[in-house]
Structure formats: C-alpha cells, structure tokens
Protein backbone atom coordinates (compact mmCIF):
# COMPACT_ATOMS: atom_id res chain seq x y z
CA MET A 1 65.93 -6.25 -14.87
CA GLU A 2 64.73 -3.62 -12.42
CA TYR A 3 66.02 -4.57 -8.97
CA LEU A 4 64.03 -3.83 -5.83
CA LEU A 5 67.29 -2.73 -4.28
CA GLU A 6 70.73 -2.16 -5.78
CA VAL A 7 73.77 -1.09 -3.76
CA GLU A 8 77.30 -0.29 -4.96
CA GLY A 9 80.49 0.88 -3.25
CA LEU A 10 78.97 1.48 0.19
CA LYS A 11 81.52 2.67 2.77
CA LYS A 12 81.32 3.61 6.44
CA SER A 13 83.94 4.40 9.09
CA PHE A 14 83.69 5.19 12.78
CA GLY A 15 86.49 7.26 14.29
CA GLY A 16 88.77 6.41 11.38
CA VAL A 17 88.11 2.67 11.68
CA ALA A 18 86.45 1.15 8.62
CA ALA A 19 83.32 -0.84 9.50
CA LEU A 20 82.30 -1.23 5.86
CA ARG A 21 84.87 -0.96 3.08
CA GLU A 22 82.76 -2.01 0.13
CA GLY A 23 79.10 -2.95 0.35
CA ARG A 24 77.60 -4.35 -2.84
CA PHE A 25 74.21 -6.00 -3.24
CA GLN A 26 71.33 -6.66 -5.66
CA LEU A 27 67.84 -7.82 -4.67
CA LYS A 28 65.44 -9.26 -7.24
CA PRO A 29 61.64 -9.16 -6.87
CA GLY A 30 60.14 -12.38 -5.53
CA SER A 31 63.37 -13.69 -4.05
CA VAL A 32 65.09 -14.47 -0.76
CA HIS A 33 68.68 -13.23 -0.75
CA ALA A 34 70.96 -14.41 2.06
CA LEU A 35 73.46 -11.85 3.36
CA CYS A 36 76.26 -13.97 4.84
CA GLY A 37 79.32 -13.20 6.90
CA GLY A 38 80.90 -13.72 10.30
CA ASN A 39 80.54 -11.43 13.30
CA GLY A 40 82.20 -8.13 12.41
CA ALA A 41 81.82 -8.69 8.65
CA GLY A 42 79.84 -5.45 8.25
CA LYS A 43 76.34 -6.88 7.76
CA SER A 44 74.65 -4.89 10.52
CA THR A 45 76.37 -1.67 9.47
CA PHE A 46 75.25 -2.32 5.89
CA LEU A 47 71.61 -2.81 6.93
CA LYS A 48 71.64 0.26 9.19
CA ILE A 49 72.89 2.41 6.33
CA LEU A 50 70.12 1.08 4.08
CA MET A 51 67.53 1.87 6.79
CA GLY A 52 68.87 5.42 7.24
CA ILE A 53 70.12 4.77 10.78
CA TYR A 54 73.73 5.46 9.71
CA LYS A 55 74.83 8.00 7.11
CA ARG A 56 77.01 6.44 4.43
CA ASP A 57 80.48 7.86 3.67
CA ALA A 58 80.37 6.79 0.02
CA GLY A 59 78.47 4.62 -2.41
CA SER A 60 75.04 4.52 -4.04
CA ILE A 61 71.68 3.03 -3.07
CA ARG A 62 68.95 2.62 -5.67
CA ARG A 63 65.35 1.64 -4.98
CA ARG A 64 63.69 0.38 -8.18
CA GLY A 65 66.27 2.29 -10.20
CA GLN A 66 65.91 5.56 -8.29
CA ASP A 67 68.72 6.92 -6.10
CA VAL A 68 67.66 7.16 -2.45
CA ASP A 69 69.25 8.55 0.70
CA PHE A 70 67.10 7.89 3.75
CA SER A 71 67.54 10.15 6.77
CA GLY A 72 65.92 7.61 9.09
CA PRO A 73 63.86 4.41 9.35
CA ALA A 74 60.60 6.34 8.83
CA GLU A 75 61.72 7.33 5.33
CA ALA A 76 62.83 3.77 4.60
CA LEU A 77 59.43 2.48 5.71
CA ALA A 78 57.69 5.09 3.54
CA SER A 79 59.72 3.73 0.63
CA GLY A 80 58.53 0.18 1.39
CA ILE A 81 61.54 -1.13 3.33
CA ALA A 82 61.06 -2.75 6.77
CA ILE A 83 63.45 -4.54 9.11
CA ILE A 84 63.24 -7.30 11.71
CA GLU A 85 66.20 -6.47 13.94
CA GLN A 86 68.32 -8.99 15.79
CA GLU A 87 68.34 -6.86 18.94
CA LEU A 88 64.87 -6.83 20.45
CA SER A 89 63.41 -3.46 21.44
CA PRO A 90 60.06 -4.14 23.10
CA VAL A 91 58.16 -1.63 25.25
CA PRO A 92 57.64 -3.99 28.22
CA HIS A 93 54.68 -2.26 29.91
CA MET A 94 52.63 -2.16 26.71
CA THR A 95 50.62 -4.94 25.10
CA VAL A 96 51.55 -7.00 22.06
CA ALA A 97 49.10 -5.04 19.89
CA GLU A 98 50.42 -1.71 21.18
CA ASN A 99 53.97 -2.77 20.34
CA ILE A 100 53.02 -3.92 16.83
CA TYR A 101 51.21 -0.68 15.98
CA LEU A 102 53.32 1.72 18.05
CA GLY A 103 53.07 5.15 16.43
CA ARG A 104 50.42 3.88 13.98
CA GLU A 105 47.54 3.28 16.38
CA PRO A 106 44.06 3.48 14.78
CA SER A 107 42.07 6.47 16.01
CA GLY A 108 38.63 6.21 17.55
CA ARG A 109 36.13 8.81 18.59
CA PHE A 110 37.45 12.10 19.92
CA GLY A 111 40.96 11.26 18.63
CA GLY A 112 41.68 8.50 21.14
CA VAL A 113 43.18 5.11 20.34
CA ASP A 114 40.68 2.59 18.98
CA PHE A 115 41.93 -0.37 21.04
CA LYS A 116 39.21 -2.70 19.80
CA THR A 117 40.23 -2.24 16.15
CA MET A 118 43.92 -2.39 17.02
CA ASN A 119 43.53 -5.66 18.94
CA ARG A 120 41.40 -7.13 16.16
CA ASN A 121 44.00 -6.22 13.51
CA ALA A 122 46.81 -7.62 15.65
CA GLN A 123 44.89 -10.87 16.23
CA ARG A 124 44.29 -11.25 12.49
CA LEU A 125 48.00 -10.75 11.79
CA LEU A 126 49.10 -13.18 14.51
CA ASP A 127 46.61 -15.77 13.23
CA GLN A 128 47.94 -15.41 9.67
CA LEU A 129 51.45 -16.04 10.98
CA GLU A 130 50.18 -18.90 13.19
CA PHE A 131 51.84 -17.34 16.24
CA GLN A 132 50.18 -18.49 19.48
CA ILE A 133 50.25 -15.09 21.21
CA ARG A 134 47.33 -12.95 22.38
CA PRO A 135 47.35 -9.26 21.35
CA THR A 136 46.36 -8.19 24.87
CA GLN A 137 49.34 -9.86 26.57
CA PHE A 138 51.89 -7.51 28.10
CA MET A 139 55.36 -7.75 26.56
CA MET A 140 57.02 -8.03 29.97
CA ASN A 141 55.18 -11.34 30.50
CA LEU A 142 56.49 -12.90 27.27
CA SER A 143 59.54 -15.08 26.81
CA VAL A 144 62.44 -13.91 24.66
CA ALA A 145 61.21 -16.22 21.90
CA GLN A 146 57.71 -14.75 22.01
CA MET A 147 59.14 -11.23 21.91
CA GLN A 148 61.00 -12.23 18.74
CA LEU A 149 57.72 -13.38 17.18
CA VAL A 150 56.14 -10.01 18.01
CA GLU A 151 59.08 -8.24 16.31
CA ILE A 152 58.47 -10.37 13.22
CA ALA A 153 54.75 -9.54 13.25
CA LYS A 154 55.53 -5.83 13.72
CA ALA A 155 57.78 -5.72 10.66
CA LEU A 156 55.33 -7.65 8.50
CA SER A 157 52.44 -5.38 9.56
CA HIS A 158 53.91 -2.61 7.40
CA ASP A 159 53.21 -4.59 4.19
CA ALA A 160 56.63 -3.54 2.88
CA GLU A 161 58.01 -4.62 -0.50
CA VAL A 162 61.55 -5.15 0.86
CA ILE A 163 62.04 -6.82 4.24
CA PHE A 164 65.37 -7.17 6.03
CA MET A 165 65.39 -10.13 8.43
CA ASP A 166 68.39 -9.98 10.77
CA GLU A 167 68.68 -13.31 12.64
CA PRO A 168 64.86 -13.66 12.86
CA THR A 169 64.99 -17.24 14.22
CA SER A 170 67.81 -16.77 16.74
CA ALA A 171 65.42 -16.89 19.71
CA ILE A 172 62.60 -19.09 18.42
CA GLY A 173 62.13 -22.83 18.15
CA GLU A 174 61.92 -25.17 15.18
CA LYS A 175 58.12 -25.06 14.95
CA GLU A 176 57.98 -21.25 14.92
CA ALA A 177 60.85 -21.09 12.43
CA GLN A 178 58.96 -23.33 10.01
CA GLN A 179 55.90 -21.08 10.37
CA LEU A 180 58.09 -18.09 9.51
CA PHE A 181 59.47 -19.91 6.46
CA LYS A 182 55.92 -20.51 5.21
CA THR A 183 55.27 -16.79 5.56
CA ILE A 184 58.47 -16.03 3.65
CA GLU A 185 57.30 -18.27 0.82
CA ARG A 186 54.00 -16.37 0.67
CA LEU A 187 55.83 -13.04 0.61
CA LYS A 188 58.12 -14.28 -2.14
CA ALA A 189 55.15 -15.46 -4.20
CA ALA A 190 53.66 -11.97 -3.86
CA GLY A 191 56.77 -10.49 -5.50
CA LYS A 192 58.40 -9.12 -2.35
CA GLY A 193 62.14 -9.25 -1.72
CA ILE A 194 63.62 -10.69 1.49
CA VAL A 195 67.17 -9.95 2.66
CA TYR A 196 67.86 -12.79 5.09
CA VAL A 197 70.72 -12.69 7.61
CA SER A 198 71.44 -15.83 9.63
CA HIS A 199 74.40 -17.74 11.02
CA ARG A 200 72.35 -20.94 10.65
CA LEU A 201 73.50 -22.17 7.25
CA SER A 202 70.89 -24.91 7.20
CA GLU A 203 68.22 -22.18 7.11
CA ILE A 204 69.94 -20.35 4.30
CA PHE A 205 70.08 -23.45 2.13
CA GLN A 206 66.45 -24.20 2.96
CA ILE A 207 64.86 -20.87 2.04
CA ALA A 208 67.26 -18.62 0.10
CA ASP A 209 67.59 -18.28 -3.67
CA ALA A 210 70.79 -16.24 -3.77
CA TYR A 211 73.65 -15.25 -1.49
CA THR A 212 76.11 -12.42 -0.94
CA VAL A 213 79.13 -12.78 1.35
CA PHE A 214 80.83 -9.98 3.30
CA ARG A 215 84.10 -10.48 5.19
CA ASP A 216 86.02 -7.87 7.19
CA GLY A 217 83.74 -5.14 5.87
CA SER A 218 84.23 -6.02 2.21
CA TYR A 219 82.16 -7.67 -0.48
CA ILE A 220 83.58 -11.14 -1.22
CA GLY A 221 81.18 -12.62 -3.73
CA SER A 222 77.60 -13.52 -4.62
CA GLY A 223 75.63 -16.01 -6.67
CA ASP A 224 72.77 -18.50 -6.71
CA LEU A 225 72.51 -20.90 -3.75
CA ALA A 226 71.99 -23.75 -6.20
CA ASP A 227 75.53 -23.21 -7.47
CA ILE A 228 77.40 -23.49 -4.15
CA ASP A 229 77.69 -26.15 -1.43
CA ARG A 230 77.95 -25.69 2.33
CA PRO A 231 81.76 -26.18 2.68
CA SER A 232 82.41 -23.67 -0.11
CA LEU A 233 80.12 -21.09 1.45
CA ILE A 234 81.78 -21.55 4.85
CA LYS A 235 85.18 -21.03 3.23
CA MET A 236 83.97 -17.77 1.69
CA ILE A 237 82.61 -16.60 5.05
CA VAL A 238 85.65 -17.40 7.21
CA GLY A 239 88.35 -17.13 4.54
CA ARG A 240 89.76 -20.60 5.12
CA GLU A 241 88.85 -24.27 5.32
CA LEU A 242 87.07 -24.86 8.63
CA GLY A 243 87.17 -28.64 8.92
CA GLU A 244 84.65 -30.44 11.09
CA GLU A 245 81.83 -28.13 12.15
CA TYR A 246 81.33 -29.77 15.56
CA ILE A 247 84.29 -30.27 17.85
CA LYS A 248 83.60 -33.20 20.17
CA THR A 249 86.49 -34.61 22.16
CA ASN A 250 84.98 -35.34 25.59
CA THR A 251 84.46 -38.77 27.13
CA PRO A 252 81.80 -39.17 29.84
CA THR A 253 82.86 -40.82 33.09
CA GLU A 254 80.62 -42.97 35.30
CA THR A 255 80.63 -40.47 38.18
CA ASP A 256 77.52 -38.35 38.66
CA GLY A 257 78.13 -34.60 38.50
CA LEU A 258 74.53 -33.36 38.56
CA GLN A 259 71.35 -35.20 39.50
CA VAL A 260 67.85 -33.75 39.49
CA THR A 261 64.89 -35.77 40.69
CA GLY A 262 61.21 -34.92 40.35
CA LEU A 263 61.69 -31.19 39.65
CA THR A 264 58.24 -29.59 39.57
CA ALA A 265 57.22 -25.95 39.29
CA ALA A 266 53.50 -25.43 38.79
CA GLY A 267 52.63 -24.35 35.27
CA LYS A 268 56.25 -24.63 34.09
CA ILE A 269 57.76 -28.11 34.48
CA ASP A 270 56.41 -31.36 35.91
CA ASP A 271 58.42 -34.24 37.42
CA ILE A 272 61.70 -33.74 35.55
CA SER A 273 64.46 -36.21 36.45
CA PHE A 274 67.88 -36.82 34.92
CA SER A 275 71.49 -37.35 35.91
CA VAL A 276 74.59 -36.06 34.13
CA CYS A 277 78.04 -37.58 34.59
CA LYS A 278 81.28 -35.68 34.89
CA GLY A 279 82.84 -35.34 31.48
CA GLU A 280 79.44 -35.56 29.77
CA ILE A 281 77.67 -33.04 27.54
CA PHE A 282 73.97 -33.57 28.18
CA GLY A 283 71.60 -31.97 25.66
CA ILE A 284 68.06 -30.73 26.18
CA TYR A 285 65.83 -30.24 23.14
CA GLY A 286 62.27 -28.99 22.85
CA LEU A 287 60.11 -26.48 21.07
CA MET A 288 59.38 -22.99 22.35
CA GLY A 289 57.24 -23.24 25.47
CA SER A 290 58.23 -26.84 26.15
CA GLY A 291 59.77 -25.98 29.53
CA ARG A 292 63.41 -26.41 28.55
CA SER A 293 64.65 -23.02 29.90
CA GLU A 294 62.45 -23.38 32.97
CA ILE A 295 64.53 -26.41 34.01
CA PHE A 296 67.63 -24.21 34.25
CA ASN A 297 65.71 -21.44 36.02
CA CYS A 298 64.64 -23.94 38.68
CA ILE A 299 68.08 -25.50 39.08
CA PHE A 300 69.73 -22.06 39.39
CA GLY A 301 67.22 -20.67 41.85
CA LEU A 302 65.53 -18.17 39.54
CA ASP A 303 62.16 -19.98 39.70
CA ARG A 304 60.70 -21.46 42.86
CA LEU A 305 60.46 -25.24 43.00
CA ASP A 306 57.30 -26.85 44.34
CA SER A 307 59.09 -30.18 44.75
CA GLY A 308 62.17 -32.03 43.69
CA GLU A 309 65.79 -32.60 44.67
CA ILE A 310 69.10 -31.39 43.26
CA ARG A 311 72.39 -33.21 43.92
CA ILE A 312 75.88 -32.08 42.96
CA ASP A 313 78.73 -34.59 43.23
CA GLY A 314 76.24 -36.95 44.90
CA ALA A 315 75.37 -34.57 47.76
CA PRO A 316 71.94 -32.91 48.05
CA VAL A 317 71.99 -29.12 47.80
CA LYS A 318 69.39 -26.50 48.62
CA VAL A 319 69.09 -23.75 46.01
CA SER A 320 66.60 -20.99 46.70
CA LYS A 321 68.42 -18.17 44.91
CA PRO A 322 71.26 -17.78 42.35
CA ALA A 323 73.80 -17.03 45.07
CA ASP A 324 73.15 -20.51 46.50
CA ALA A 325 73.63 -22.07 43.06
CA MET A 326 76.93 -20.25 42.56
CA GLU A 327 78.11 -21.29 46.01
CA HIS A 328 77.54 -24.94 45.05
CA GLY A 329 79.53 -24.65 41.81
CA LEU A 330 76.78 -23.97 39.27
CA ALA A 331 77.23 -21.55 36.36
CA PHE A 332 74.42 -20.41 34.06
CA VAL A 333 74.92 -18.95 30.58
CA THR A 334 71.45 -17.56 29.79
CA GLU A 335 69.81 -17.57 26.35
CA ASP A 336 69.97 -13.79 25.83
CA ARG A 337 73.46 -12.51 26.58
CA LYS A 338 72.54 -8.84 26.08
CA LEU A 339 69.45 -8.96 28.27
CA THR A 340 70.59 -11.21 31.12
CA GLY A 341 74.23 -12.18 30.50
CA LEU A 342 76.06 -8.87 30.19
CA ASN A 343 76.07 -5.35 31.57
CA LEU A 344 76.30 -3.54 28.23
CA THR A 345 77.23 -0.22 29.86
CA ASP A 346 80.31 -1.75 31.51
CA SER A 347 83.69 -2.74 30.15
CA VAL A 348 84.94 -6.16 29.07
CA ARG A 349 86.95 -6.32 32.30
CA GLY A 350 83.98 -5.33 34.44
CA ASN A 351 81.78 -8.00 32.87
CA ILE A 352 84.36 -10.75 33.33
CA ALA A 353 84.59 -9.83 37.03
CA LEU A 354 80.82 -9.58 37.49
CA ALA A 355 80.17 -13.05 38.96
CA SER A 356 83.26 -12.90 41.21
CA LEU A 357 82.78 -9.53 42.91
CA PRO A 358 82.84 -10.92 46.48
CA GLU A 359 86.24 -12.51 45.84
CA LEU A 360 87.66 -9.56 43.90
CA SER A 361 86.31 -6.84 46.17
CA PRO A 362 86.62 -7.84 49.84
CA ASN A 363 85.26 -5.15 52.16
CA PHE A 364 83.49 -3.69 49.11
CA VAL A 365 86.74 -2.34 47.65
CA MET A 366 87.77 -3.68 44.26
CA ARG A 367 91.28 -5.12 44.07
CA ARG A 368 92.15 -3.56 40.72
CA ARG A 369 95.26 -5.66 40.11
CA GLY A 370 93.29 -8.84 40.78
CA GLU A 371 90.49 -7.70 38.49
CA GLN A 372 92.96 -6.83 35.74
CA ALA A 373 94.80 -10.15 36.07
CA ALA A 374 91.53 -12.10 36.01
CA SER A 375 90.38 -10.23 32.94
CA ARG A 376 93.67 -10.79 31.13
CA ASN A 377 93.57 -14.50 31.99
CA MET A 378 90.09 -15.02 30.53
CA ILE A 379 90.78 -12.90 27.43
CA GLU A 380 93.86 -15.00 26.66
CA ARG A 381 92.20 -18.31 27.56
CA PHE A 382 89.21 -17.75 25.28
CA ALA A 383 90.96 -15.68 22.60
CA ILE A 384 88.55 -12.78 23.08
CA LYS A 385 89.19 -10.17 20.40
CA ALA A 386 89.08 -6.80 22.15
CA ALA A 387 91.26 -3.75 21.55
CA ARG A 388 91.60 -3.41 25.34
CA ASP A 389 89.77 -4.85 28.30
CA THR A 390 88.54 -1.40 29.36
CA MET A 391 86.52 -0.97 26.17
CA PRO A 392 82.71 -1.26 26.40
CA VAL A 393 81.56 -4.86 25.99
CA SER A 394 78.82 -3.54 23.67
CA GLY A 395 81.55 -2.83 21.10
CA LEU A 396 82.44 -6.52 20.67
CA SER A 397 81.03 -8.91 18.08
CA GLY A 398 78.38 -11.40 19.17
CA GLY A 399 80.85 -14.27 19.34
CA ASN A 400 83.29 -12.33 21.49
CA GLN A 401 80.50 -11.12 23.76
CA GLN A 402 79.48 -14.75 24.30
CA LYS A 403 83.06 -15.64 25.19
CA VAL A 404 83.05 -12.81 27.75
CA VAL A 405 79.95 -14.40 29.34
CA LEU A 406 81.77 -17.75 29.43
CA GLY A 407 84.85 -16.07 30.89
CA LYS A 408 82.72 -14.50 33.62
CA TRP A 409 81.60 -17.96 34.76
CA PHE A 410 84.86 -19.83 34.18
CA LEU A 411 86.57 -17.35 36.50
CA ARG A 412 84.62 -19.04 39.29
CA ASN A 413 85.91 -22.54 38.38
CA PRO A 414 82.41 -24.05 38.24
CA LYS A 415 81.60 -27.75 38.58
CA VAL A 416 78.43 -27.67 36.45
CA LEU A 417 77.90 -25.54 33.36
CA LEU A 418 74.30 -24.79 32.35
CA LEU A 419 74.25 -23.49 28.76
CA ASP A 420 71.04 -22.09 27.27
CA GLU A 421 71.51 -21.54 23.51
CA PRO A 422 75.30 -21.07 23.87
CA THR A 423 75.90 -20.25 20.18
CA ARG A 424 72.84 -18.11 19.50
CA GLY A 425 73.66 -15.31 17.06
CA VAL A 426 77.35 -16.17 16.55
CA ASP A 427 79.08 -17.10 13.31
CA VAL A 428 80.45 -20.49 12.31
CA GLY A 429 84.02 -19.65 13.31
CA ALA A 430 83.02 -18.44 16.79
CA LYS A 431 80.76 -21.48 17.18
CA ARG A 432 83.72 -23.82 16.75
CA GLU A 433 85.67 -21.90 19.42
CA ILE A 434 82.73 -22.16 21.83
CA TYR A 435 82.39 -25.89 21.11
CA ARG A 436 86.10 -26.26 21.89
CA ILE A 437 85.65 -24.42 25.21
CA ILE A 438 82.70 -26.65 26.12
CA CYS A 439 84.57 -29.85 25.29
CA GLU A 440 87.70 -28.79 27.17
CA PHE A 441 85.60 -28.10 30.26
CA ALA A 442 84.02 -31.56 30.01
CA GLU A 443 87.39 -33.22 29.33
CA ALA A 444 88.70 -31.67 32.55
CA GLY A 445 85.91 -33.39 34.50
CA GLY A 446 83.24 -30.70 34.31
CA THR A 447 79.55 -31.44 33.86
CA VAL A 448 77.74 -29.75 30.96
CA VAL A 449 74.00 -29.41 30.36
CA MET A 450 73.18 -27.65 27.10
CA ILE A 451 69.87 -26.40 25.71
CA SER A 452 69.73 -25.76 21.97
CA SER A 453 66.92 -25.19 19.49
CA GLU A 454 69.28 -26.21 16.67
CA ILE A 455 68.79 -29.92 16.04
CA ASP A 456 72.16 -30.27 14.30
CA GLU A 457 73.90 -28.72 17.29
CA VAL A 458 72.14 -30.96 19.81
CA LEU A 459 73.01 -34.06 17.79
CA GLY A 460 76.53 -32.85 17.05
CA MET A 461 77.55 -32.02 20.63
CA SER A 462 75.44 -34.09 23.07
CA ASP A 463 76.22 -37.53 24.47
CA ARG A 464 72.60 -37.99 25.53
CA ILE A 465 69.52 -35.87 24.83
CA LEU A 466 66.49 -35.13 27.02
CA VAL A 467 63.45 -34.20 24.91
CA MET A 468 60.84 -31.85 26.40
CA ARG A 469 57.19 -31.38 25.48
CA ASN A 470 54.56 -29.36 27.35
CA GLY A 471 56.66 -29.11 30.50
CA ARG A 472 57.37 -32.84 30.72
CA SER A 473 60.13 -35.16 29.57
CA THR A 474 59.34 -37.51 26.70
CA GLY A 475 62.51 -39.47 27.31
CA ILE A 476 66.31 -39.46 27.33
CA TYR A 477 68.07 -40.83 24.25
CA PRO A 478 71.73 -41.67 23.52
CA ARG A 479 73.16 -39.64 20.68
CA ALA A 480 73.89 -42.73 18.59
CA GLU A 481 70.30 -43.95 18.84
CA THR A 482 68.40 -40.88 17.63
CA ASP A 483 68.26 -38.49 14.68
CA ALA A 484 66.66 -35.20 13.65
CA GLN A 485 63.39 -36.80 12.58
CA ALA A 486 63.04 -38.63 15.89
CA LEU A 487 63.71 -35.46 17.91
CA VAL A 488 61.04 -33.51 16.01
CA HIS A 489 58.55 -36.35 16.45
CA LEU A 490 59.23 -36.66 20.19
CA SER A 491 58.98 -32.90 20.81
CA THR A 492 55.66 -32.31 19.02
C-alpha cells in the first residue's frame, strides 16, 4: 500500500533535552488516524516537524513514497498537507474572510483585493461546514469558540490531501463538534487522510479508524481502534492503570455559598437564577452561544449587568469590576488559559503571584521572599511539574499550565471558584489531578461552579446541572435524574 504519509525514527532535541526520541507513523488514504498521548508526549513537536516548522535531528518522512524535507509550512501546504493548530493565531482587526484567505486573497482590477469574491468564497465554505459565522465579521468580535471554527475553515480551504487536526474541538460545543465530524466523514470518503489529536477519548472512538500512541517522546504502539478498548488505550497513554476517570468525593452542605437572582445582560443572558451550596460542584452545560460563559463574565464584573443580584454567604455584594469580585472571594478560571489566564512572557512564579500582587507587593515593591514562598507552596500543593519556578510558564505542558492558573487563584483562598472549561486541552492524567483539586476545594467548604462542553465531564463531576439555551435557563437538574441524551435535548 502507498501511504499518504509515512514517518520513521523521527528525533528532535532542544538544548540537549529530547522532545522526541522516536516518532513513527503511517497514514492510509481515506482514514482518520488518532495521534494519542499525554501532555509532553511529543505530539506537537512531531506535527511541527512534519509541517517544516522544526528541523528534525534524525529520521525519515515520506509523502506518497517520496522522501520530503519541508523548510516551512508553505512547502508542506504545497505538498498537500494542512494543519488546524491548537493555539489560535487570528489577526483580530481583520475579517473572517480575510483571515481564511490571508496571503491568498483573490485579485481584482488593478491588482487590488477582490473582496466581493473573497467574501463569497468564504460564505460558501462556511455554509458547507454549517458554521453560523458571517465572513464580514471582525475576528476581535468573535468568541474563542468561533475563532476555532474559523481556524478549521481556514485549514480546509486549502483542499489538502493530508490534514492535521490538533485539538480542533477544544473550544467548541457539542453541536459544532458534530458538524466537524460530518465534514471529516466527507473528507475521508474523498480519500483524504486525517491525523486527529484530541484528549477527548470519546471523540477518538467516535471518528477514528486507527491510533498511534506516543509517551515521553517515544512511539509506544499503534493499531486499529476496533481492536482496543478505552481502559487499554488509557493505560498505553499514561503508562499505568488509571482507575476511575472522574474523582468525586465532595458532599454538598445545606448552606448557600453563591446565589444569583435574575441576572440579565441585554443580548447575552436573560433572568438567570440559581443557588450553589458550600461543598457543592454545580455544573453549567450549553452549546456554543448559549450564554454559559456570559454568566461568569457578569458574576465576575467583566460584563455589565442590567439587573440582578449576587449574594455570597447570604450577603448581597456589588460587583462592577473584577477587583470587586476578588475582594468578595470570587476566583475565575477562564476558558482560554493562554489568552486570558496566563502571562506567557512571565515565569511560573510570576504567574502564580499575579492575582495577589497587592498583598505581595505593598508600596509597589515586591516582597521576593514572600513571592518565592507562595510559588513554592502552590507548586508543591498542585504537583506542578516545572524544572524551576523562574522558568517561562510557556514552557510547561497544558496540564501544568492549567494548574498554575489554579494556583494563582488558590493563593487568594477564594470562597467561590468559577471554572470555565477547566480541563480544556489537558490529558487524562492531568484531568484526574484537576478533578482532585476541585473536589478537595469543595470538601473544604468551597463553592464550585463549573462550565464544561464535555457532557461526560458535566455528568461525572456535577451535583446539579443548569442547562442553558439562547441566553436563558431551561432548568436545573440533579445529577442522578439526567443523562447525556436529556442534556442534549434540553440545550437544543
């Protein structure tokens, strides 16, 4: 058989540290091949070598039997290889159509850009994908989920034969994910090859035909998905038995920790009311655009409320800006840690101290010993794997970056923890650690409100679930009295 892509013995080191010890892979025409592995397994390095972003130290890459060595993504694209990257890279002050066709704009008279043709082509592509986005919208006005859809459309606009999809559903909802899966089926039927990277194993078993597992930079094994079950694949990924996927040890009390009544923000949410007890993990589920994240933005003072009341520990509080929310004991882990949760140019220590600067730097002078002690405390508490706390936070895996975000907020000893997609883009091992952290916070009397687009996660971790649709609540349901089918029905 002639493979679309065949890789053997790929190696790459940075400063003497091996990021990829042995990359091995084979992609058949008309197939979806899942590339599996935990954070730090070498998957991203592997894909960047294949796209010509990194130069390999050793190994061979063959495209339809021919040896290739791309010097950059442009050469990979010319060879029929495109990528949907996990890290979004939009040009915010340009439109959706301009982002999709950046560098490939159709020319009009006198050599200028033919915007009419470009917008028409973009609209046709978005309609084919069933993405509800207008080509003339500016990227800066889109949500993170909508930006992800534009990245998907941009990659598919190249009509490539091989498409790398690196966590393509990490920021989108269930409805949009199912639309993407339909597109993948069409691409597969047309003989194209998809390399699919996702930490969501349910997706892999739904759409993939084959799998390859990397661990600690090395090839572990591969095969047909039909020949392996979920526990066995998890064991290959993490190198050990993992046990129960969801850690849930909290017991809700009968004391209110957070109450919101009649929260309304025009065009975003309408008359949202719920109460969460201390010790409870309260889930919020809804499709993209349902208003789920807007609830947190209103509670935390990022969006202006038109009406409504917020109570913490039974007492009404006024929150007009994030500083007010923090003063009242609220902490907010946002859905995109790299965009709004971390300062990627700063160190691990600097990021952990970020939400506590007034306490750590009285008179605008940082107390270095206090900062160092706080950093060490959170690193030990959350088992953050970092060579040193002065290293750039950008050098950590996704799971460890998320634990830095949690450490930043836990340093403030919050009363209420608002979690928007807390395990987005982290592997199964890191997910269990984050679930443990969440449960321990609730067990200690904290109040947790968690948004997740993963139905299994919402059902696995929540005590009760608020379902959102079109900016309104469709009801609150005890965990024991609902299931995945009911959640989908209520949210659509």
